[in-house]
Amino acid sequence: DTTREPAERAVEAARLSRVPTAERPA
């Protein structure tokens, strides 16, 4: 399974806690 880790990283990178405060869609 070579796609799990890249998918998990990409989805995690979109979490609001990983986004600079000024750029969050809040």
mmCIF file of all heavy atoms, coordinates in Angstrom:
data_MODEL
# 
_entry.id   MODEL 
# 
loop_
_atom_site.group_PDB 
_atom_site.id 
_atom_site.type_symbol 
_atom_site.label_atom_id 
_atom_site.label_alt_id 
_atom_site.label_comp_id 
_atom_site.label_asym_id 
_atom_site.label_entity_id 
_atom_site.label_seq_id 
_atom_site.pdbx_PDB_ins_code 
_atom_site.Cartn_x 
_atom_site.Cartn_y 
_atom_site.Cartn_z 
_atom_site.occupancy 
_atom_site.B_iso_or_equiv 
_atom_site.pdbx_formal_charge 
_atom_site.auth_seq_id 
_atom_site.auth_comp_id 
_atom_site.auth_asym_id 
_atom_site.auth_atom_id 
_atom_site.pdbx_PDB_model_num 
ATOM 1   N N   . ASP A 1 1  ? 0.863   -1.189 0.000  1.00 0.00 ? 1  ASP A N   1 
ATOM 2   C CA  . ASP A 1 1  ? 0.000   0.000  0.000  1.00 0.00 ? 1  ASP A CA  1 
ATOM 3   C C   . ASP A 1 1  ? 0.898   1.238  0.000  1.00 0.00 ? 1  ASP A C   1 
ATOM 4   O O   . ASP A 1 1  ? 1.372   1.675  1.051  1.00 0.00 ? 1  ASP A O   1 
ATOM 5   C CB  . ASP A 1 1  ? -0.907  -0.033 1.234  1.00 0.00 ? 1  ASP A CB  1 
ATOM 6   C CG  . ASP A 1 1  ? -1.882  1.129  1.252  1.00 0.00 ? 1  ASP A CG  1 
ATOM 7   O OD1 . ASP A 1 1  ? -1.932  1.885  0.266  1.00 0.00 ? 1  ASP A OD1 1 
ATOM 8   O OD2 . ASP A 1 1  ? -2.595  1.285  2.262  1.00 0.00 ? 1  ASP A OD2 1 
ATOM 9   N N   . THR A 1 2  ? 1.133   1.798  -1.171 1.00 0.00 ? 2  THR A N   1 
ATOM 10  C CA  . THR A 1 2  ? 2.043   2.945  -1.295 1.00 0.00 ? 2  THR A CA  1 
ATOM 11  C C   . THR A 1 2  ? 1.316   4.277  -1.304 1.00 0.00 ? 2  THR A C   1 
ATOM 12  O O   . THR A 1 2  ? 1.965   5.324  -1.357 1.00 0.00 ? 2  THR A O   1 
ATOM 13  C CB  . THR A 1 2  ? 2.860   2.823  -2.587 1.00 0.00 ? 2  THR A CB  1 
ATOM 14  O OG1 . THR A 1 2  ? 1.964   2.791  -3.713 1.00 0.00 ? 2  THR A OG1 1 
ATOM 15  C CG2 . THR A 1 2  ? 3.704   1.558  -2.576 1.00 0.00 ? 2  THR A CG2 1 
ATOM 16  N N   . THR A 1 3  ? -0.009  4.259  -1.272 1.00 0.00 ? 3  THR A N   1 
ATOM 17  C CA  . THR A 1 3  ? -0.761  5.523  -1.377 1.00 0.00 ? 3  THR A CA  1 
ATOM 18  C C   . THR A 1 3  ? -1.280  6.029  -0.037 1.00 0.00 ? 3  THR A C   1 
ATOM 19  O O   . THR A 1 3  ? -1.732  7.168  0.043  1.00 0.00 ? 3  THR A O   1 
ATOM 20  C CB  . THR A 1 3  ? -1.963  5.345  -2.324 1.00 0.00 ? 3  THR A CB  1 
ATOM 21  O OG1 . THR A 1 3  ? -2.827  4.319  -1.802 1.00 0.00 ? 3  THR A OG1 1 
ATOM 22  C CG2 . THR A 1 3  ? -1.494  4.964  -3.716 1.00 0.00 ? 3  THR A CG2 1 
ATOM 23  N N   . ARG A 1 4  ? -1.216  5.191  0.978  1.00 0.00 ? 4  ARG A N   1 
ATOM 24  C CA  . ARG A 1 4  ? -1.810  5.604  2.251  1.00 0.00 ? 4  ARG A CA  1 
ATOM 25  C C   . ARG A 1 4  ? -1.063  6.784  2.865  1.00 0.00 ? 4  ARG A C   1 
ATOM 26  O O   . ARG A 1 4  ? -1.681  7.780  3.265  1.00 0.00 ? 4  ARG A O   1 
ATOM 27  C CB  . ARG A 1 4  ? -1.827  4.434  3.238  1.00 0.00 ? 4  ARG A CB  1 
ATOM 28  C CG  . ARG A 1 4  ? -2.401  4.826  4.585  1.00 0.00 ? 4  ARG A CG  1 
ATOM 29  C CD  . ARG A 1 4  ? -2.497  3.660  5.534  1.00 0.00 ? 4  ARG A CD  1 
ATOM 30  N NE  . ARG A 1 4  ? -3.154  4.034  6.772  1.00 0.00 ? 4  ARG A NE  1 
ATOM 31  C CZ  . ARG A 1 4  ? -3.440  3.188  7.747  1.00 0.00 ? 4  ARG A CZ  1 
ATOM 32  N NH1 . ARG A 1 4  ? -3.127  1.907  7.629  1.00 0.00 ? 4  ARG A NH1 1 
ATOM 33  N NH2 . ARG A 1 4  ? -4.034  3.614  8.846  1.00 0.00 ? 4  ARG A NH2 1 
ATOM 34  N N   . GLU A 1 5  ? 0.253   6.677  2.955  1.00 0.00 ? 5  GLU A N   1 
ATOM 35  C CA  . GLU A 1 5  ? 1.018   7.735  3.612  1.00 0.00 ? 5  GLU A CA  1 
ATOM 36  C C   . GLU A 1 5  ? 0.920   9.068  2.873  1.00 0.00 ? 5  GLU A C   1 
ATOM 37  O O   . GLU A 1 5  ? 0.678   10.106 3.512  1.00 0.00 ? 5  GLU A O   1 
ATOM 38  C CB  . GLU A 1 5  ? 2.476   7.303  3.759  1.00 0.00 ? 5  GLU A CB  1 
ATOM 39  C CG  . GLU A 1 5  ? 3.306   8.281  4.590  1.00 0.00 ? 5  GLU A CG  1 
ATOM 40  C CD  . GLU A 1 5  ? 4.720   7.785  4.832  1.00 0.00 ? 5  GLU A CD  1 
ATOM 41  O OE1 . GLU A 1 5  ? 4.942   6.570  4.669  1.00 0.00 ? 5  GLU A OE1 1 
ATOM 42  O OE2 . GLU A 1 5  ? 5.583   8.610  5.173  1.00 0.00 ? 5  GLU A OE2 1 
ATOM 43  N N   . PRO A 1 6  ? 1.071   9.122  1.530  1.00 0.00 ? 6  PRO A N   1 
ATOM 44  C CA  . PRO A 1 6  ? 0.893   10.416 0.854  1.00 0.00 ? 6  PRO A CA  1 
ATOM 45  C C   . PRO A 1 6  ? -0.509  10.996 1.030  1.00 0.00 ? 6  PRO A C   1 
ATOM 46  O O   . PRO A 1 6  ? -0.656  12.213 1.203  1.00 0.00 ? 6  PRO A O   1 
ATOM 47  C CB  . PRO A 1 6  ? 1.180   10.079 -0.618 1.00 0.00 ? 6  PRO A CB  1 
ATOM 48  C CG  . PRO A 1 6  ? 2.017   8.861  -0.580 1.00 0.00 ? 6  PRO A CG  1 
ATOM 49  C CD  . PRO A 1 6  ? 1.554   8.079  0.606  1.00 0.00 ? 6  PRO A CD  1 
ATOM 50  N N   . ALA A 1 7  ? -1.534  10.141 0.996  1.00 0.00 ? 7  ALA A N   1 
ATOM 51  C CA  . ALA A 1 7  ? -2.892  10.645 1.179  1.00 0.00 ? 7  ALA A CA  1 
ATOM 52  C C   . ALA A 1 7  ? -3.083  11.196 2.587  1.00 0.00 ? 7  ALA A C   1 
ATOM 53  O O   . ALA A 1 7  ? -3.693  12.261 2.779  1.00 0.00 ? 7  ALA A O   1 
ATOM 54  C CB  . ALA A 1 7  ? -3.911  9.538  0.901  1.00 0.00 ? 7  ALA A CB  1 
ATOM 55  N N   . GLU A 1 8  ? -2.548  10.471 3.568  1.00 0.00 ? 8  GLU A N   1 
ATOM 56  C CA  . GLU A 1 8  ? -2.684  10.938 4.954  1.00 0.00 ? 8  GLU A CA  1 
ATOM 57  C C   . GLU A 1 8  ? -1.962  12.266 5.147  1.00 0.00 ? 8  GLU A C   1 
ATOM 58  O O   . GLU A 1 8  ? -2.473  13.178 5.815  1.00 0.00 ? 8  GLU A O   1 
ATOM 59  C CB  . GLU A 1 8  ? -2.125  9.875  5.903  1.00 0.00 ? 8  GLU A CB  1 
ATOM 60  C CG  . GLU A 1 8  ? -2.376  10.160 7.378  1.00 0.00 ? 8  GLU A CG  1 
ATOM 61  C CD  . GLU A 1 8  ? -3.841  10.102 7.750  1.00 0.00 ? 8  GLU A CD  1 
ATOM 62  O OE1 . GLU A 1 8  ? -4.622  9.449  7.025  1.00 0.00 ? 8  GLU A OE1 1 
ATOM 63  O OE2 . GLU A 1 8  ? -4.201  10.742 8.754  1.00 0.00 ? 8  GLU A OE2 1 
ATOM 64  N N   . ARG A 1 9  ? -0.770  12.403 4.571  1.00 0.00 ? 9  ARG A N   1 
ATOM 65  C CA  . ARG A 1 9  ? -0.027  13.664 4.693  1.00 0.00 ? 9  ARG A CA  1 
ATOM 66  C C   . ARG A 1 9  ? -0.796  14.820 4.047  1.00 0.00 ? 9  ARG A C   1 
ATOM 67  O O   . ARG A 1 9  ? -0.867  15.912 4.600  1.00 0.00 ? 9  ARG A O   1 
ATOM 68  C CB  . ARG A 1 9  ? 1.351   13.530 4.043  1.00 0.00 ? 9  ARG A CB  1 
ATOM 69  C CG  . ARG A 1 9  ? 2.390   12.857 4.887  1.00 0.00 ? 9  ARG A CG  1 
ATOM 70  C CD  . ARG A 1 9  ? 3.800   13.214 4.416  1.00 0.00 ? 9  ARG A CD  1 
ATOM 71  N NE  . ARG A 1 9  ? 3.945   13.020 2.981  1.00 0.00 ? 9  ARG A NE  1 
ATOM 72  C CZ  . ARG A 1 9  ? 4.406   11.905 2.420  1.00 0.00 ? 9  ARG A CZ  1 
ATOM 73  N NH1 . ARG A 1 9  ? 4.762   10.895 3.193  1.00 0.00 ? 9  ARG A NH1 1 
ATOM 74  N NH2 . ARG A 1 9  ? 4.520   11.792 1.114  1.00 0.00 ? 9  ARG A NH2 1 
ATOM 75  N N   . ALA A 1 10 ? -1.345  14.581 2.871  1.00 0.00 ? 10 ALA A N   1 
ATOM 76  C CA  . ALA A 1 10 ? -2.045  15.655 2.161  1.00 0.00 ? 10 ALA A CA  1 
ATOM 77  C C   . ALA A 1 10 ? -3.317  16.069 2.893  1.00 0.00 ? 10 ALA A C   1 
ATOM 78  O O   . ALA A 1 10 ? -3.621  17.263 2.993  1.00 0.00 ? 10 ALA A O   1 
ATOM 79  C CB  . ALA A 1 10 ? -2.375  15.201 0.739  1.00 0.00 ? 10 ALA A CB  1 
ATOM 80  N N   . VAL A 1 11 ? -4.051  15.098 3.412  1.00 0.00 ? 11 VAL A N   1 
ATOM 81  C CA  . VAL A 1 11 ? -5.273  15.431 4.149  1.00 0.00 ? 11 VAL A CA  1 
ATOM 82  C C   . VAL A 1 11 ? -4.929  16.136 5.452  1.00 0.00 ? 11 VAL A C   1 
ATOM 83  O O   . VAL A 1 11 ? -5.591  17.104 5.850  1.00 0.00 ? 11 VAL A O   1 
ATOM 84  C CB  . VAL A 1 11 ? -6.113  14.163 4.399  1.00 0.00 ? 11 VAL A CB  1 
ATOM 85  C CG1 . VAL A 1 11 ? -7.283  14.467 5.315  1.00 0.00 ? 11 VAL A CG1 1 
ATOM 86  C CG2 . VAL A 1 11 ? -6.616  13.587 3.075  1.00 0.00 ? 11 VAL A CG2 1 
ATOM 87  N N   . GLU A 1 12 ? -3.878  15.682 6.126  1.00 0.00 ? 12 GLU A N   1 
ATOM 88  C CA  . GLU A 1 12 ? -3.455  16.329 7.368  1.00 0.00 ? 12 GLU A CA  1 
ATOM 89  C C   . GLU A 1 12 ? -2.982  17.766 7.112  1.00 0.00 ? 12 GLU A C   1 
ATOM 90  O O   . GLU A 1 12 ? -3.209  18.656 7.932  1.00 0.00 ? 12 GLU A O   1 
ATOM 91  C CB  . GLU A 1 12 ? -2.329  15.529 8.019  1.00 0.00 ? 12 GLU A CB  1 
ATOM 92  C CG  . GLU A 1 12 ? -2.790  14.278 8.731  1.00 0.00 ? 12 GLU A CG  1 
ATOM 93  C CD  . GLU A 1 12 ? -3.620  14.600 9.955  1.00 0.00 ? 12 GLU A CD  1 
ATOM 94  O OE1 . GLU A 1 12 ? -3.127  15.301 10.853 1.00 0.00 ? 12 GLU A OE1 1 
ATOM 95  O OE2 . GLU A 1 12 ? -4.783  14.167 9.988  1.00 0.00 ? 12 GLU A OE2 1 
ATOM 96  N N   . ALA A 1 13 ? -2.330  18.000 5.974  1.00 0.00 ? 13 ALA A N   1 
ATOM 97  C CA  . ALA A 1 13 ? -1.845  19.343 5.663  1.00 0.00 ? 13 ALA A CA  1 
ATOM 98  C C   . ALA A 1 13 ? -2.988  20.334 5.489  1.00 0.00 ? 13 ALA A C   1 
ATOM 99  O O   . ALA A 1 13 ? -2.783  21.542 5.616  1.00 0.00 ? 13 ALA A O   1 
ATOM 100 C CB  . ALA A 1 13 ? -0.996  19.318 4.393  1.00 0.00 ? 13 ALA A CB  1 
ATOM 101 N N   . ALA A 1 14 ? -4.193  19.842 5.205  1.00 0.00 ? 14 ALA A N   1 
ATOM 102 C CA  . ALA A 1 14 ? -5.345  20.727 5.048  1.00 0.00 ? 14 ALA A CA  1 
ATOM 103 C C   . ALA A 1 14 ? -6.071  20.978 6.364  1.00 0.00 ? 14 ALA A C   1 
ATOM 104 O O   . ALA A 1 14 ? -7.018  21.778 6.388  1.00 0.00 ? 14 ALA A O   1 
ATOM 105 C CB  . ALA A 1 14 ? -6.325  20.127 4.032  1.00 0.00 ? 14 ALA A CB  1 
ATOM 106 N N   . ARG A 1 15 ? -5.663  20.318 7.444  1.00 0.00 ? 15 ARG A N   1 
ATOM 107 C CA  . ARG A 1 15 ? -6.290  20.594 8.742  1.00 0.00 ? 15 ARG A CA  1 
ATOM 108 C C   . ARG A 1 15 ? -6.022  22.037 9.141  1.00 0.00 ? 15 ARG A C   1 
ATOM 109 O O   . ARG A 1 15 ? -4.942  22.583 8.914  1.00 0.00 ? 15 ARG A O   1 
ATOM 110 C CB  . ARG A 1 15 ? -5.723  19.657 9.811  1.00 0.00 ? 15 ARG A CB  1 
ATOM 111 C CG  . ARG A 1 15 ? -6.275  18.253 9.749  1.00 0.00 ? 15 ARG A CG  1 
ATOM 112 C CD  . ARG A 1 15 ? -5.614  17.363 10.775 1.00 0.00 ? 15 ARG A CD  1 
ATOM 113 N NE  . ARG A 1 15 ? -5.758  17.880 12.131 1.00 0.00 ? 15 ARG A NE  1 
ATOM 114 C CZ  . ARG A 1 15 ? -5.258  17.282 13.215 1.00 0.00 ? 15 ARG A CZ  1 
ATOM 115 N NH1 . ARG A 1 15 ? -4.581  16.166 13.084 1.00 0.00 ? 15 ARG A NH1 1 
ATOM 116 N NH2 . ARG A 1 15 ? -5.424  17.792 14.391 1.00 0.00 ? 15 ARG A NH2 1 
ATOM 117 N N   . LEU A 1 16 ? -7.018  22.672 9.759  1.00 0.00 ? 16 LEU A N   1 
ATOM 118 C CA  . LEU A 1 16 ? -6.884  24.088 10.096 1.00 0.00 ? 16 LEU A CA  1 
ATOM 119 C C   . LEU A 1 16 ? -5.718  24.337 11.037 1.00 0.00 ? 16 LEU A C   1 
ATOM 120 O O   . LEU A 1 16 ? -5.076  25.394 10.976 1.00 0.00 ? 16 LEU A O   1 
ATOM 121 C CB  . LEU A 1 16 ? -8.182  24.608 10.715 1.00 0.00 ? 16 LEU A CB  1 
ATOM 122 C CG  . LEU A 1 16 ? -9.405  24.611 9.801  1.00 0.00 ? 16 LEU A CG  1 
ATOM 123 C CD1 . LEU A 1 16 ? -10.574 25.312 10.491 1.00 0.00 ? 16 LEU A CD1 1 
ATOM 124 C CD2 . LEU A 1 16 ? -9.108  25.264 8.468  1.00 0.00 ? 16 LEU A CD2 1 
ATOM 125 N N   . SER A 1 17 ? -5.426  23.394 11.921 1.00 0.00 ? 17 SER A N   1 
ATOM 126 C CA  . SER A 1 17 ? -4.323  23.595 12.858 1.00 0.00 ? 17 SER A CA  1 
ATOM 127 C C   . SER A 1 17 ? -2.967  23.579 12.157 1.00 0.00 ? 17 SER A C   1 
ATOM 128 O O   . SER A 1 17 ? -1.978  24.012 12.742 1.00 0.00 ? 17 SER A O   1 
ATOM 129 C CB  . SER A 1 17 ? -4.350  22.514 13.948 1.00 0.00 ? 17 SER A CB  1 
ATOM 130 O OG  . SER A 1 17 ? -4.241  21.223 13.384 1.00 0.00 ? 17 SER A OG  1 
ATOM 131 N N   . ARG A 1 18 ? -2.906  23.097 10.905 1.00 0.00 ? 18 ARG A N   1 
ATOM 132 C CA  . ARG A 1 18 ? -1.662  23.078 10.148 1.00 0.00 ? 18 ARG A CA  1 
ATOM 133 C C   . ARG A 1 18 ? -1.541  24.278 9.205  1.00 0.00 ? 18 ARG A C   1 
ATOM 134 O O   . ARG A 1 18 ? -0.547  24.397 8.492  1.00 0.00 ? 18 ARG A O   1 
ATOM 135 C CB  . ARG A 1 18 ? -1.572  21.788 9.322  1.00 0.00 ? 18 ARG A CB  1 
ATOM 136 C CG  . ARG A 1 18 ? -1.728  20.505 10.123 1.00 0.00 ? 18 ARG A CG  1 
ATOM 137 C CD  . ARG A 1 18 ? -0.567  20.288 11.059 1.00 0.00 ? 18 ARG A CD  1 
ATOM 138 N NE  . ARG A 1 18 ? -0.728  19.106 11.881 1.00 0.00 ? 18 ARG A NE  1 
ATOM 139 C CZ  . ARG A 1 18 ? -0.323  17.897 11.532 1.00 0.00 ? 18 ARG A CZ  1 
ATOM 140 N NH1 . ARG A 1 18 ? 0.260   17.718 10.358 1.00 0.00 ? 18 ARG A NH1 1 
ATOM 141 N NH2 . ARG A 1 18 ? -0.495  16.876 12.341 1.00 0.00 ? 18 ARG A NH2 1 
ATOM 142 N N   . VAL A 1 19 ? -2.556  25.126 9.180  1.00 0.00 ? 19 VAL A N   1 
ATOM 143 C CA  . VAL A 1 19 ? -2.590  26.259 8.250  1.00 0.00 ? 19 VAL A CA  1 
ATOM 144 C C   . VAL A 1 19 ? -2.264  27.531 9.026  1.00 0.00 ? 19 VAL A C   1 
ATOM 145 O O   . VAL A 1 19 ? -2.731  27.704 10.157 1.00 0.00 ? 19 VAL A O   1 
ATOM 146 C CB  . VAL A 1 19 ? -3.988  26.373 7.595  1.00 0.00 ? 19 VAL A CB  1 
ATOM 147 C CG1 . VAL A 1 19 ? -4.054  27.550 6.630  1.00 0.00 ? 19 VAL A CG1 1 
ATOM 148 C CG2 . VAL A 1 19 ? -4.334  25.078 6.873  1.00 0.00 ? 19 VAL A CG2 1 
ATOM 149 N N   . PRO A 1 20 ? -1.441  28.446 8.456  1.00 0.00 ? 20 PRO A N   1 
ATOM 150 C CA  . PRO A 1 20 ? -1.199  29.716 9.143  1.00 0.00 ? 20 PRO A CA  1 
ATOM 151 C C   . PRO A 1 20 ? -2.511  30.413 9.503  1.00 0.00 ? 20 PRO A C   1 
ATOM 152 O O   . PRO A 1 20 ? -3.484  30.389 8.734  1.00 0.00 ? 20 PRO A O   1 
ATOM 153 C CB  . PRO A 1 20 ? -0.402  30.527 8.109  1.00 0.00 ? 20 PRO A CB  1 
ATOM 154 C CG  . PRO A 1 20 ? 0.273   29.498 7.266  1.00 0.00 ? 20 PRO A CG  1 
ATOM 155 C CD  . PRO A 1 20 ? -0.675  28.337 7.199  1.00 0.00 ? 20 PRO A CD  1 
ATOM 156 N N   . THR A 1 21 ? -2.526  31.032 10.686 1.00 0.00 ? 21 THR A N   1 
ATOM 157 C CA  . THR A 1 21 ? -3.763  31.614 11.209 1.00 0.00 ? 21 THR A CA  1 
ATOM 158 C C   . THR A 1 21 ? -4.416  32.556 10.221 1.00 0.00 ? 21 THR A C   1 
ATOM 159 O O   . THR A 1 21 ? -5.647  32.544 10.038 1.00 0.00 ? 21 THR A O   1 
ATOM 160 C CB  . THR A 1 21 ? -3.461  32.353 12.523 1.00 0.00 ? 21 THR A CB  1 
ATOM 161 O OG1 . THR A 1 21 ? -2.847  31.449 13.438 1.00 0.00 ? 21 THR A OG1 1 
ATOM 162 C CG2 . THR A 1 21 ? -4.738  32.898 13.136 1.00 0.00 ? 21 THR A CG2 1 
ATOM 163 N N   . ALA A 1 22 ? -3.615  33.388 9.561  1.00 0.00 ? 22 ALA A N   1 
ATOM 164 C CA  . ALA A 1 22 ? -4.179  34.398 8.665  1.00 0.00 ? 22 ALA A CA  1 
ATOM 165 C C   . ALA A 1 22 ? -4.814  33.792 7.425  1.00 0.00 ? 22 ALA A C   1 
ATOM 166 O O   . ALA A 1 22 ? -5.588  34.467 6.743  1.00 0.00 ? 22 ALA A O   1 
ATOM 167 C CB  . ALA A 1 22 ? -3.099  35.394 8.251  1.00 0.00 ? 22 ALA A CB  1 
ATOM 168 N N   . GLU A 1 23 ? -4.505  32.553 7.109  1.00 0.00 ? 23 GLU A N   1 
ATOM 169 C CA  . GLU A 1 23 ? -5.003  31.948 5.872  1.00 0.00 ? 23 GLU A CA  1 
ATOM 170 C C   . GLU A 1 23 ? -6.075  30.895 6.114  1.00 0.00 ? 23 GLU A C   1 
ATOM 171 O O   . GLU A 1 23 ? -6.482  30.205 5.177  1.00 0.00 ? 23 GLU A O   1 
ATOM 172 C CB  . GLU A 1 23 ? -3.833  31.324 5.095  1.00 0.00 ? 23 GLU A CB  1 
ATOM 173 C CG  . GLU A 1 23 ? -2.720  32.295 4.753  1.00 0.00 ? 23 GLU A CG  1 
ATOM 174 C CD  . GLU A 1 23 ? -3.221  33.512 3.990  1.00 0.00 ? 23 GLU A CD  1 
ATOM 175 O OE1 . GLU A 1 23 ? -4.175  33.378 3.197  1.00 0.00 ? 23 GLU A OE1 1 
ATOM 176 O OE2 . GLU A 1 23 ? -2.665  34.610 4.197  1.00 0.00 ? 23 GLU A OE2 1 
ATOM 177 N N   . ARG A 1 24 ? -6.552  30.745 7.329  1.00 0.00 ? 24 ARG A N   1 
ATOM 178 C CA  . ARG A 1 24 ? -7.576  29.731 7.602  1.00 0.00 ? 24 ARG A CA  1 
ATOM 179 C C   . ARG A 1 24 ? -8.938  30.175 7.072  1.00 0.00 ? 24 ARG A C   1 
ATOM 180 O O   . ARG A 1 24 ? -9.317  31.335 7.236  1.00 0.00 ? 24 ARG A O   1 
ATOM 181 C CB  . ARG A 1 24 ? -7.680  29.483 9.111  1.00 0.00 ? 24 ARG A CB  1 
ATOM 182 C CG  . ARG A 1 24 ? -6.479  28.774 9.688  1.00 0.00 ? 24 ARG A CG  1 
ATOM 183 C CD  . ARG A 1 24 ? -6.535  28.722 11.190 1.00 0.00 ? 24 ARG A CD  1 
ATOM 184 N NE  . ARG A 1 24 ? -5.335  28.086 11.739 1.00 0.00 ? 24 ARG A NE  1 
ATOM 185 C CZ  . ARG A 1 24 ? -4.977  28.143 13.011 1.00 0.00 ? 24 ARG A CZ  1 
ATOM 186 N NH1 . ARG A 1 24 ? -5.723  28.813 13.881 1.00 0.00 ? 24 ARG A NH1 1 
ATOM 187 N NH2 . ARG A 1 24 ? -3.878  27.547 13.411 1.00 0.00 ? 24 ARG A NH2 1 
ATOM 188 N N   . PRO A 1 25 ? -9.686  29.269 6.472  1.00 0.00 ? 25 PRO A N   1 
ATOM 189 C CA  . PRO A 1 25 ? -11.046 29.614 6.037  1.00 0.00 ? 25 PRO A CA  1 
ATOM 190 C C   . PRO A 1 25 ? -12.002 29.585 7.223  1.00 0.00 ? 25 PRO A C   1 
ATOM 191 O O   . PRO A 1 25 ? -12.747 28.621 7.430  1.00 0.00 ? 25 PRO A O   1 
ATOM 192 C CB  . PRO A 1 25 ? -11.367 28.521 5.014  1.00 0.00 ? 25 PRO A CB  1 
ATOM 193 C CG  . PRO A 1 25 ? -10.566 27.349 5.477  1.00 0.00 ? 25 PRO A CG  1 
ATOM 194 C CD  . PRO A 1 25 ? -9.305  27.902 6.097  1.00 0.00 ? 25 PRO A CD  1 
ATOM 195 N N   . ALA A 1 26 ? -11.973 30.631 8.023  1.00 0.00 ? 26 ALA A N   1 
ATOM 196 C CA  . ALA A 1 26 ? -12.703 30.631 9.294  1.00 0.00 ? 26 ALA A CA  1 
ATOM 197 C C   . ALA A 1 26 ? -13.824 31.648 9.343  1.00 0.00 ? 26 ALA A C   1 
ATOM 198 O O   . ALA A 1 26 ? -14.409 31.860 10.399 1.00 0.00 ? 26 ALA A O   1 
ATOM 199 C CB  . ALA A 1 26 ? -11.725 30.897 10.449 1.00 0.00 ? 26 ALA A CB  1 
# 
